[in-house]
């Protein structure tokens, strides 16, 4: 599977083997992947998602390519992840998700990863529309989405009281 490369990053497919290793601990993931793993990664939210992701990928391993580890090249270190999610069918509209550990935030890594990932999706996957959502309080994420061509489409709630902002990105090529 292809690795996406930017000036500072590698976006490496997060394979079933890598997810299984992550669930056993960062030392196991480091051993199997060959990358150092940031002590802050994968974080609580992403850790919660991993068992579900593993189950889904075992059912449909062709979806491995849509979840990537973000590797900081100069340190050979896993610092985050980026993915599109959803059920691939004729009416599927994928949703973008991403995260980077706190010690590497505010350095443009997610903006760089999103740009490379979108370019790959246009070229290789023929995807023309992607949705994203972020918490209303998360101004950094909203900025990242806007900087990468996402347009705000509305607001809503998750649960009863957590305000979110909804975005869409459309391929203009």
C-alpha atoms as a PDB file:
ATOM      1  CA  UNK A   1       0.000   0.000   0.000  1.00  0.00           C
ATOM      2  CA  UNK A   2       1.278   3.428  -0.825  1.00  0.00           C
ATOM      3  CA  UNK A   3       2.743   5.790   1.727  1.00  0.00           C
ATOM      4  CA  UNK A   4       1.880   9.450   1.203  1.00  0.00           C
ATOM      5  CA  UNK A   5       4.768  11.857   1.737  1.00  0.00           C
ATOM      6  CA  UNK A   6       4.896  15.584   2.363  1.00  0.00           C
ATOM      7  CA  UNK A   7       7.808  17.839   3.215  1.00  0.00           C
ATOM      8  CA  UNK A   8       7.678  16.880   6.891  1.00  0.00           C
ATOM      9  CA  UNK A   9       5.346  13.898   7.142  1.00  0.00           C
ATOM     10  CA  UNK A  10       4.624  10.359   6.066  1.00  0.00           C
ATOM     11  CA  UNK A  11       1.018   9.163   6.005  1.00  0.00           C
ATOM     12  CA  UNK A  12       1.295   5.418   6.485  1.00  0.00           C
ATOM     13  CA  UNK A  13      -1.683   3.039   6.135  1.00  0.00           C
ATOM     14  CA  UNK A  14      -2.888   1.996   9.578  1.00  0.00           C
ATOM     15  CA  UNK A  15      -3.183  -1.707   8.864  1.00  0.00           C
ATOM     16  CA  UNK A  16      -4.962  -4.402  10.839  1.00  0.00           C
ATOM     17  CA  UNK A  17      -1.566  -5.578  12.148  1.00  0.00           C
ATOM     18  CA  UNK A  18      -0.724  -2.064  13.345  1.00  0.00           C
ATOM     19  CA  UNK A  19      -4.100  -1.659  15.088  1.00  0.00           C
ATOM     20  CA  UNK A  20      -3.709  -5.003  16.840  1.00  0.00           C
ATOM     21  CA  UNK A  21      -0.225  -3.954  17.952  1.00  0.00           C
ATOM     22  CA  UNK A  22      -1.544  -0.594  19.208  1.00  0.00           C
ATOM     23  CA  UNK A  23      -4.106  -2.383  21.347  1.00  0.00           C
ATOM     24  CA  UNK A  24      -1.218  -4.298  22.958  1.00  0.00           C
ATOM     25  CA  UNK A  25       0.725  -1.098  23.671  1.00  0.00           C
ATOM     26  CA  UNK A  26       2.967   1.479  22.050  1.00  0.00           C
ATOM     27  CA  UNK A  27       6.071  -0.660  22.501  1.00  0.00           C
ATOM     28  CA  UNK A  28       4.482  -3.425  20.401  1.00  0.00           C
ATOM     29  CA  UNK A  29       3.417  -0.932  17.715  1.00  0.00           C
ATOM     30  CA  UNK A  30       6.915   0.552  17.623  1.00  0.00           C
ATOM     31  CA  UNK A  31       8.425  -2.905  17.228  1.00  0.00           C
ATOM     32  CA  UNK A  32       6.100  -4.010  14.424  1.00  0.00           C
ATOM     33  CA  UNK A  33       6.006  -0.684  12.530  1.00  0.00           C
ATOM     34  CA  UNK A  34       9.586   0.503  12.918  1.00  0.00           C
ATOM     35  CA  UNK A  35       8.391   3.942  14.074  1.00  0.00           C
ATOM     36  CA  UNK A  36       8.799   5.456  17.501  1.00  0.00           C
ATOM     37  CA  UNK A  37       5.406   6.203  19.068  1.00  0.00           C
ATOM     38  CA  UNK A  38       4.688   9.469  20.849  1.00  0.00           C
ATOM     39  CA  UNK A  39       3.955   8.800  24.526  1.00  0.00           C
ATOM     40  CA  UNK A  40       0.749  10.857  24.168  1.00  0.00           C
ATOM     41  CA  UNK A  41      -0.585   8.804  21.276  1.00  0.00           C
ATOM     42  CA  UNK A  42      -3.197   7.381  20.593  1.00  0.00           C
ATOM     43  CA  UNK A  43      -5.147   9.445  23.121  1.00  0.00           C
ATOM     44  CA  UNK A  44      -8.435   8.617  24.836  1.00  0.00           C
ATOM     45  CA  UNK A  45     -10.846   9.354  21.963  1.00  0.00           C
ATOM     46  CA  UNK A  46      -8.897   7.427  19.335  1.00  0.00           C
ATOM     47  CA  UNK A  47      -8.208   4.551  21.762  1.00  0.00           C
ATOM     48  CA  UNK A  48     -11.939   4.214  22.325  1.00  0.00           C
ATOM     49  CA  UNK A  49     -12.473   3.968  18.553  1.00  0.00           C
ATOM     50  CA  UNK A  50      -9.770   1.345  17.848  1.00  0.00           C
ATOM     51  CA  UNK A  51     -11.637  -1.888  18.746  1.00  0.00           C
ATOM     52  CA  UNK A  52     -14.522  -0.811  16.494  1.00  0.00           C
ATOM     53  CA  UNK A  53     -12.118   0.102  13.684  1.00  0.00           C
ATOM     54  CA  UNK A  54     -10.366  -3.247  13.986  1.00  0.00           C
ATOM     55  CA  UNK A  55     -13.650  -5.141  13.763  1.00  0.00           C
ATOM     56  CA  UNK A  56     -14.731  -3.143  10.704  1.00  0.00           C
ATOM     57  CA  UNK A  57     -11.381  -3.577   8.940  1.00  0.00           C
ATOM     58  CA  UNK A  58     -11.451  -7.317   9.480  1.00  0.00           C
ATOM     59  CA  UNK A  59     -14.819  -7.359   7.684  1.00  0.00           C
ATOM     60  CA  UNK A  60     -13.606  -5.054   4.903  1.00  0.00           C
ATOM     61  CA  UNK A  61      -9.776  -5.001   4.770  1.00  0.00           C
ATOM     62  CA  UNK A  62      -9.852  -2.916   1.573  1.00  0.00           C
ATOM     63  CA  UNK A  63     -10.655   0.065   3.826  1.00  0.00           C
ATOM     64  CA  UNK A  64      -7.203  -0.020   5.488  1.00  0.00           C
ATOM     65  CA  UNK A  65      -5.946   2.584   3.025  1.00  0.00           C
ATOM     66  CA  UNK A  66      -8.414   5.159   4.369  1.00  0.00           C
ATOM     67  CA  UNK A  67      -6.872   5.389   7.836  1.00  0.00           C
ATOM     68  CA  UNK A  68      -3.296   6.664   8.069  1.00  0.00           C
ATOM     69  CA  UNK A  69      -0.782   7.156  10.830  1.00  0.00           C
ATOM     70  CA  UNK A  70       0.885  10.562  10.743  1.00  0.00           C
ATOM     71  CA  UNK A  71       4.644  10.106  11.035  1.00  0.00           C
ATOM     72  CA  UNK A  72       6.970  13.041  11.671  1.00  0.00           C
ATOM     73  CA  UNK A  73       9.855  12.203   9.320  1.00  0.00           C
ATOM     74  CA  UNK A  74      12.666  13.994  11.153  1.00  0.00           C
ATOM     75  CA  UNK A  75      11.925  12.024  14.347  1.00  0.00           C
ATOM     76  CA  UNK A  76      10.560   8.830  12.714  1.00  0.00           C
ATOM     77  CA  UNK A  77       7.695   9.159  15.190  1.00  0.00           C
ATOM     78  CA  UNK A  78       3.936   8.524  15.129  1.00  0.00           C
ATOM     79  CA  UNK A  79       2.287  11.772  16.217  1.00  0.00           C
ATOM     80  CA  UNK A  80      -1.301  11.349  15.021  1.00  0.00           C
ATOM     81  CA  UNK A  81      -3.780   9.883  12.597  1.00  0.00           C
ATOM     82  CA  UNK A  82      -6.044  10.909   9.720  1.00  0.00           C
ATOM     83  CA  UNK A  83      -8.895   8.998   8.116  1.00  0.00           C
ATOM     84  CA  UNK A  84     -12.133   8.998   6.247  1.00  0.00           C
ATOM     85  CA  UNK A  85     -14.903   6.872   7.654  1.00  0.00           C
ATOM     86  CA  UNK A  86     -18.258   5.530   6.649  1.00  0.00           C
ATOM     87  CA  UNK A  87     -19.753   2.690   4.667  1.00  0.00           C
ATOM     88  CA  UNK A  88     -18.551   2.627   1.099  1.00  0.00           C
ATOM     89  CA  UNK A  89     -21.556   2.221  -1.178  1.00  0.00           C
ATOM     90  CA  UNK A  90     -23.166   4.194  -3.975  1.00  0.00           C
ATOM     91  CA  UNK A  91     -24.544   6.899  -1.639  1.00  0.00           C
ATOM     92  CA  UNK A  92     -21.550   7.008   0.668  1.00  0.00           C
ATOM     93  CA  UNK A  93     -20.280  10.406   1.755  1.00  0.00           C
ATOM     94  CA  UNK A  94     -17.078   9.882   3.729  1.00  0.00           C
ATOM     95  CA  UNK A  95     -16.337  11.852   6.873  1.00  0.00           C
ATOM     96  CA  UNK A  96     -12.861  13.160   7.627  1.00  0.00           C
ATOM     97  CA  UNK A  97     -11.320  12.723  11.040  1.00  0.00           C
ATOM     98  CA  UNK A  98      -7.853  13.562  12.346  1.00  0.00           C
ATOM     99  CA  UNK A  99      -5.820  14.141  15.430  1.00  0.00           C
ATOM    100  CA  UNK A 100      -2.305  14.991  16.521  1.00  0.00           C
ATOM    101  CA  UNK A 101      -0.851  14.776  20.024  1.00  0.00           C
ATOM    102  CA  UNK A 102      -0.742  18.015  22.004  1.00  0.00           C
ATOM    103  CA  UNK A 103       3.038  18.367  21.977  1.00  0.00           C
ATOM    104  CA  UNK A 104       2.958  18.554  18.153  1.00  0.00           C
ATOM    105  CA  UNK A 105      -0.109  20.773  17.742  1.00  0.00           C
ATOM    106  CA  UNK A 106       0.018  24.337  16.411  1.00  0.00           C
ATOM    107  CA  UNK A 107       2.861  23.465  14.025  1.00  0.00           C
ATOM    108  CA  UNK A 108       0.831  22.938  10.833  1.00  0.00           C
ATOM    109  CA  UNK A 109       1.139  19.153  10.790  1.00  0.00           C
ATOM    110  CA  UNK A 110      -2.602  18.473  10.531  1.00  0.00           C
ATOM    111  CA  UNK A 111      -3.060  21.105   7.816  1.00  0.00           C
ATOM    112  CA  UNK A 112      -0.221  19.471   5.868  1.00  0.00           C
ATOM    113  CA  UNK A 113      -1.653  15.969   6.405  1.00  0.00           C
ATOM    114  CA  UNK A 114      -5.185  17.001   5.367  1.00  0.00           C
ATOM    115  CA  UNK A 115      -3.900  18.611   2.162  1.00  0.00           C
ATOM    116  CA  UNK A 116      -1.907  15.515   1.173  1.00  0.00           C
ATOM    117  CA  UNK A 117      -4.745  13.161   2.069  1.00  0.00           C
ATOM    118  CA  UNK A 118      -7.290  15.169   0.056  1.00  0.00           C
ATOM    119  CA  UNK A 119      -4.962  15.264  -2.963  1.00  0.00           C
ATOM    120  CA  UNK A 120      -4.578  11.494  -2.759  1.00  0.00           C
ATOM    121  CA  UNK A 121      -8.330  10.972  -2.417  1.00  0.00           C
ATOM    122  CA  UNK A 122      -8.976  13.067  -5.537  1.00  0.00           C
ATOM    123  CA  UNK A 123      -6.337  11.269  -7.564  1.00  0.00           C
ATOM    124  CA  UNK A 124      -6.672   7.675  -6.413  1.00  0.00           C
ATOM    125  CA  UNK A 125     -10.148   7.254  -4.996  1.00  0.00           C
ATOM    126  CA  UNK A 126     -12.272   9.563  -7.166  1.00  0.00           C
ATOM    127  CA  UNK A 127     -13.994  11.031  -4.121  1.00  0.00           C
ATOM    128  CA  UNK A 128     -15.764  14.310  -4.817  1.00  0.00           C
ATOM    129  CA  UNK A 129     -17.437  15.144  -1.497  1.00  0.00           C
ATOM    130  CA  UNK A 130     -16.225  14.770   2.091  1.00  0.00           C
ATOM    131  CA  UNK A 131     -17.936  15.860   5.275  1.00  0.00           C
ATOM    132  CA  UNK A 132     -16.321  16.830   8.552  1.00  0.00           C
ATOM    133  CA  UNK A 133     -17.498  18.048  11.905  1.00  0.00           C
ATOM    134  CA  UNK A 134     -15.767  19.539  14.867  1.00  0.00           C
ATOM    135  CA  UNK A 135     -16.762  20.916  18.220  1.00  0.00           C
ATOM    136  CA  UNK A 136     -17.859  24.553  18.149  1.00  0.00           C
ATOM    137  CA  UNK A 137     -15.244  25.304  20.807  1.00  0.00           C
ATOM    138  CA  UNK A 138     -12.456  23.799  18.650  1.00  0.00           C
ATOM    139  CA  UNK A 139     -11.460  26.875  16.656  1.00  0.00           C
ATOM    140  CA  UNK A 140      -8.141  25.296  15.577  1.00  0.00           C
ATOM    141  CA  UNK A 141      -9.897  22.424  13.829  1.00  0.00           C
ATOM    142  CA  UNK A 142     -12.326  24.812  12.135  1.00  0.00           C
ATOM    143  CA  UNK A 143      -9.347  26.825  10.879  1.00  0.00           C
ATOM    144  CA  UNK A 144      -7.656  23.671   9.528  1.00  0.00           C
ATOM    145  CA  UNK A 145     -10.801  22.667   7.650  1.00  0.00           C
ATOM    146  CA  UNK A 146     -11.316  26.134   6.146  1.00  0.00           C
ATOM    147  CA  UNK A 147      -7.653  26.355   5.153  1.00  0.00           C
ATOM    148  CA  UNK A 148      -8.081  23.088   3.230  1.00  0.00           C
ATOM    149  CA  UNK A 149     -11.178  24.240   1.343  1.00  0.00           C
ATOM    150  CA  UNK A 150     -13.952  22.969   3.587  1.00  0.00           C
ATOM    151  CA  UNK A 151     -17.061  25.148   3.761  1.00  0.00           C
ATOM    152  CA  UNK A 152     -19.235  25.471   6.856  1.00  0.00           C
ATOM    153  CA  UNK A 153     -22.655  23.942   6.178  1.00  0.00           C
ATOM    154  CA  UNK A 154     -24.313  24.243   9.560  1.00  0.00           C
ATOM    155  CA  UNK A 155     -24.253  23.592  13.252  1.00  0.00           C
ATOM    156  CA  UNK A 156     -25.769  20.935  15.451  1.00  0.00           C
ATOM    157  CA  UNK A 157     -25.492  19.032  18.682  1.00  0.00           C
ATOM    158  CA  UNK A 158     -23.857  15.783  19.668  1.00  0.00           C
ATOM    159  CA  UNK A 159     -25.722  14.279  22.537  1.00  0.00           C
ATOM    160  CA  UNK A 160     -27.840  16.832  24.289  1.00  0.00           C
ATOM    161  CA  UNK A 161     -25.522  19.747  24.719  1.00  0.00           C
ATOM    162  CA  UNK A 162     -22.225  19.507  22.798  1.00  0.00           C
ATOM    163  CA  UNK A 163     -22.320  22.046  19.957  1.00  0.00           C
ATOM    164  CA  UNK A 164     -20.645  21.081  16.690  1.00  0.00           C
ATOM    165  CA  UNK A 165     -19.918  22.784  13.385  1.00  0.00           C
ATOM    166  CA  UNK A 166     -20.493  20.820  10.161  1.00  0.00           C
ATOM    167  CA  UNK A 167     -18.326  21.235   7.063  1.00  0.00           C
ATOM    168  CA  UNK A 168     -18.174  19.905   3.511  1.00  0.00           C
ATOM    169  CA  UNK A 169     -15.387  19.755   0.976  1.00  0.00           C
ATOM    170  CA  UNK A 170     -16.159  19.390  -2.732  1.00  0.00           C
ATOM    171  CA  UNK A 171     -13.656  18.470  -5.402  1.00  0.00           C
ATOM    172  CA  UNK A 172     -13.338  21.463  -7.721  1.00  0.00           C
ATOM    173  CA  UNK A 173     -11.297  19.680 -10.414  1.00  0.00           C
END
